[in-house]
Amino acid sequence: MEIIISGAGEVGTHAAEVLSEAGHAVTIIDVNAGRLGAVGEAHDVRTLQGSGTNAEVLREAGCAEADLFIGATDVDELNLLSCAIARKVGVGRCIARVHHGLYFEDRGLDYAAALGIDDLVCPEYSTAAAVAQALLSPAVVAIEQFALGKIDVQQLEVDPDAPATKLPLAQLRLPRSARVVLVAGKETAYIPGAQTVVVPGDTVMLLANSDEMVEAREAFKKTRSPRLRVVVAGGSAQGVWLCRALQRGNFSVRLLVEDRVRAEVLASKLDWATVIHADLVDPVTYEEERVGKADAFVAVTGRDESNILLAARAKRMGVACAIAVLQRPTYLRMLPEMGVDYAFSPRDVAVDHMMTLIQTGPVRQLALLAPDVAVLYAVKVPTSQGPFVGLPLRDVPFPEKFIVAAIQRGDRVYVPGADDTIEAGDDVIVAGPPGIQKELQWAFSL
């Protein structure tokens, strides 16, 4: 692919490195000649000095013939504008890096659609999702990212005497939106069928529209699962994104914030979390908050060295899982020796997200549900009318062990029922065995 990147900062430079190593032809644009010189010396990329918001610069970069344009500066508005201009110049596809939830969550306006941008990538959101993945599972997070919080995903251990242990799934009185996409027993995992009967102790992955999850889970779980206790240290934007990512899971969240004013502001915004004004350096804080008894501790102060030290301290105190978020990847390889379980770099996870988005073809692999058993796929249904478009799902001859888990149609995302239809232009999440891309292409007439 021919790819143009605007911005030679941390994210833009790393994206250029990863994409060029993957065999793509990369041109990187920046107003700073020093940054460009460093990138050009270190990586096999073409450099061009100028602004990504200048149409003439974009034309000189080859935007009219390029396959992809990435707006990756540190300024949201510049990235949005440069992508909009690149689209007008003629680029095939655009991705904009943004930080602010105003743009990423379509508050008041679908900015991406209004400006002709294909995808928005928020490093803080991607990092929060990666941390949640470490605490949950890749599949849960992949669905959450696809659905932007409009679908609930829960992993439940089946209780003895739960209704699901007595009847096949097809006969359970589940809400119309409920879907079980995976069952994991003690020794094996599998994609369930209509006649599957789960047994006590099995773990099910359950999807449902948000307003129907409470009812859906009653078929499998009569008792409430204990909430995982997570302590987040730092009132940074990353800390806020993380608290929001954990809101929909079975978590009890405490957020430790150094600045009193910031703590008061966040307490009014994050009403599902306990926000505590605290000295993050003082060991007494960790004793008083019983950090050692928590299931997870995540350091997101915005200062790499502090995050490392705080996560290492929490681990020494006995926390089950210690996580540090680092802006610079310099220390990543050292952390296991210090007892830190996981470390995440927003730069790295943002670029990983971009790499997922630019997978070619109408079928993309989103996440692994269970090794050698089940995969989550994202399918883009063509805008042309296929043979199964408009048919109720119950009448579509899908391959065996193939579950339509979610549908995105415009700004609506939902778990479909048997009477729902797939329409031209839909984005669909499918659970199925590994290696069924060809079968998916047939089923959706791709």
Foldseek 3Di string as FASTA:
>chain_A
DEEEEEALPLQRLVLQAVQVVVPYAYEYEEQDPVSQVVSVVPHVYHYDYDALLDLVSCVVSVLQPAAEYEYDHPDQVSQLNSQLSSVVSHHNAYEYEDADCCQQVQVVHVSCVVSVHDYYFYLLLLVLLVVVCVVPNLVQSLVCVVQVPQKAKDKDQFAPPQQLQPFFQLPDPAPQQKDWQKKQAPPGIAGDDRRDRDHGGIITIMMFGPVRPVVRCSNGDPDDDAAAEEEEEALDSSSVSNLVSCLRDRHAYEYEYADPVSLVVVCVVNVSYHYHHDDLVDVVVCVVVVLLPGQEYEYDHVDQVSQLVSQLVSVVSHHNAGEYEDQDCPCQVVRVVSVHHYYHHSSVSSSVVVVQVPDDDQKGWRAAPDPQHKTKIKGFQAQDDDPQAPAQQLPQPADPSKAFQWKDDPSDIGRHGRRDGHHHGIITIMMGGPPCPVSVCVSRVD
